[in-house]
Amino acid sequence: MTGDPEAWDFLVKHVTILGWLVAAPLNIVTILLAIVMLLLKKVRFTDIHPYVFVLNVITLLFQLVSPI
């Protein structure tokens, strides 16, 4: 909490736009890269932390379903 909440408005606007425009495509790229590396046997599933991968997929589903 700050004494002047309007001073942070510019930052909140930029972070919100970046979250909408960058988060979902970057999440898709990350998941696809992990899947390709798994299929090419460059990494094992345990190396990419399975719970992080599963949470990424769940987050992507929420990002794709939620309205902008």
C-alpha atoms as a PDB file:
ATOM      1  CA  MET A   1       0.000   0.000   0.000  1.00  0.00           C
ATOM      2  CA  THR A   2       1.350   3.412  -0.917  1.00  0.00           C
ATOM      3  CA  GLY A   3       0.403   6.919   0.081  1.00  0.00           C
ATOM      4  CA  ASP A   4      -0.252   7.908  -3.546  1.00  0.00           C
ATOM      5  CA  PRO A   5      -1.969   5.051  -5.415  1.00  0.00           C
ATOM      6  CA  GLU A   6      -2.291   7.109  -8.614  1.00  0.00           C
ATOM      7  CA  ALA A   7       1.492   7.190  -8.916  1.00  0.00           C
ATOM      8  CA  TRP A   8       1.435   3.483  -9.820  1.00  0.00           C
ATOM      9  CA  ASP A   9      -1.357   3.686 -12.429  1.00  0.00           C
ATOM     10  CA  PHE A  10       1.044   3.730 -15.386  1.00  0.00           C
ATOM     11  CA  LEU A  11       2.754   0.579 -14.144  1.00  0.00           C
ATOM     12  CA  VAL A  12      -0.510  -1.245 -13.499  1.00  0.00           C
ATOM     13  CA  LYS A  13      -1.735  -0.442 -17.029  1.00  0.00           C
ATOM     14  CA  HIS A  14       1.468  -1.759 -18.621  1.00  0.00           C
ATOM     15  CA  VAL A  15       1.561  -4.914 -16.530  1.00  0.00           C
ATOM     16  CA  THR A  16      -2.092  -5.638 -17.315  1.00  0.00           C
ATOM     17  CA  ILE A  17      -1.555  -5.250 -21.071  1.00  0.00           C
ATOM     18  CA  LEU A  18       1.593  -7.368 -20.989  1.00  0.00           C
ATOM     19  CA  GLY A  19      -0.264 -10.029 -19.039  1.00  0.00           C
ATOM     20  CA  TRP A  20      -3.014 -10.176 -21.631  1.00  0.00           C
ATOM     21  CA  LEU A  21      -0.814 -10.024 -24.733  1.00  0.00           C
ATOM     22  CA  VAL A  22       2.319 -11.869 -23.687  1.00  0.00           C
ATOM     23  CA  ALA A  23       1.389 -14.428 -21.029  1.00  0.00           C
ATOM     24  CA  ALA A  24      -0.711 -16.856 -23.087  1.00  0.00           C
ATOM     25  CA  PRO A  25       1.565 -16.979 -26.176  1.00  0.00           C
ATOM     26  CA  LEU A  26       4.650 -17.328 -24.001  1.00  0.00           C
ATOM     27  CA  ASN A  27       2.957 -20.112 -22.042  1.00  0.00           C
ATOM     28  CA  ILE A  28       2.105 -21.907 -25.303  1.00  0.00           C
ATOM     29  CA  VAL A  29       5.714 -21.649 -26.493  1.00  0.00           C
ATOM     30  CA  THR A  30       6.999 -22.953 -23.162  1.00  0.00           C
ATOM     31  CA  ILE A  31       4.659 -25.952 -23.181  1.00  0.00           C
ATOM     32  CA  LEU A  32       5.405 -26.780 -26.824  1.00  0.00           C
ATOM     33  CA  LEU A  33       9.132 -26.535 -26.205  1.00  0.00           C
ATOM     34  CA  ALA A  34       8.848 -28.878 -23.228  1.00  0.00           C
ATOM     35  CA  ILE A  35       6.784 -31.375 -25.244  1.00  0.00           C
ATOM     36  CA  VAL A  36       9.249 -31.313 -28.156  1.00  0.00           C
ATOM     37  CA  MET A  37      12.178 -31.833 -25.821  1.00  0.00           C
ATOM     38  CA  LEU A  38      10.339 -34.732 -24.161  1.00  0.00           C
ATOM     39  CA  LEU A  39       9.550 -36.341 -27.514  1.00  0.00           C
ATOM     40  CA  LEU A  40      13.146 -35.956 -28.708  1.00  0.00           C
ATOM     41  CA  LYS A  41      14.293 -37.451 -25.390  1.00  0.00           C
ATOM     42  CA  LYS A  42      16.482 -34.446 -24.640  1.00  0.00           C
ATOM     43  CA  VAL A  43      15.033 -34.305 -21.106  1.00  0.00           C
ATOM     44  CA  ARG A  44      13.124 -36.613 -18.830  1.00  0.00           C
ATOM     45  CA  PHE A  45       9.737 -35.692 -17.389  1.00  0.00           C
ATOM     46  CA  THR A  46      11.236 -35.564 -13.905  1.00  0.00           C
ATOM     47  CA  ASP A  47      13.834 -33.039 -15.122  1.00  0.00           C
ATOM     48  CA  ILE A  48      11.192 -30.459 -16.043  1.00  0.00           C
ATOM     49  CA  HIS A  49       9.437 -30.668 -12.672  1.00  0.00           C
ATOM     50  CA  PRO A  50       6.119 -32.390 -13.444  1.00  0.00           C
ATOM     51  CA  TYR A  51       4.055 -30.240 -11.086  1.00  0.00           C
ATOM     52  CA  VAL A  52       5.286 -27.051 -12.801  1.00  0.00           C
ATOM     53  CA  PHE A  53       4.437 -28.503 -16.227  1.00  0.00           C
ATOM     54  CA  VAL A  54       0.953 -29.552 -15.093  1.00  0.00           C
ATOM     55  CA  LEU A  55       0.319 -26.153 -13.476  1.00  0.00           C
ATOM     56  CA  ASN A  56       1.464 -24.465 -16.710  1.00  0.00           C
ATOM     57  CA  VAL A  57      -1.058 -26.485 -18.718  1.00  0.00           C
ATOM     58  CA  ILE A  58      -3.845 -25.687 -16.242  1.00  0.00           C
ATOM     59  CA  THR A  59      -2.912 -22.001 -16.325  1.00  0.00           C
ATOM     60  CA  LEU A  60      -2.956 -22.054 -20.133  1.00  0.00           C
ATOM     61  CA  LEU A  61      -6.436 -23.574 -20.127  1.00  0.00           C
ATOM     62  CA  PHE A  62      -7.657 -20.785 -17.836  1.00  0.00           C
ATOM     63  CA  GLN A  63      -5.964 -18.173 -20.054  1.00  0.00           C
ATOM     64  CA  LEU A  64      -7.613 -19.515 -23.192  1.00  0.00           C
ATOM     65  CA  VAL A  65     -11.070 -19.835 -21.627  1.00  0.00           C
ATOM     66  CA  SER A  66     -11.195 -16.528 -19.758  1.00  0.00           C
ATOM     67  CA  PRO A  67     -12.525 -13.507 -21.639  1.00  0.00           C
ATOM     68  CA  ILE A  68     -10.194 -10.613 -22.308  1.00  0.00           C
END
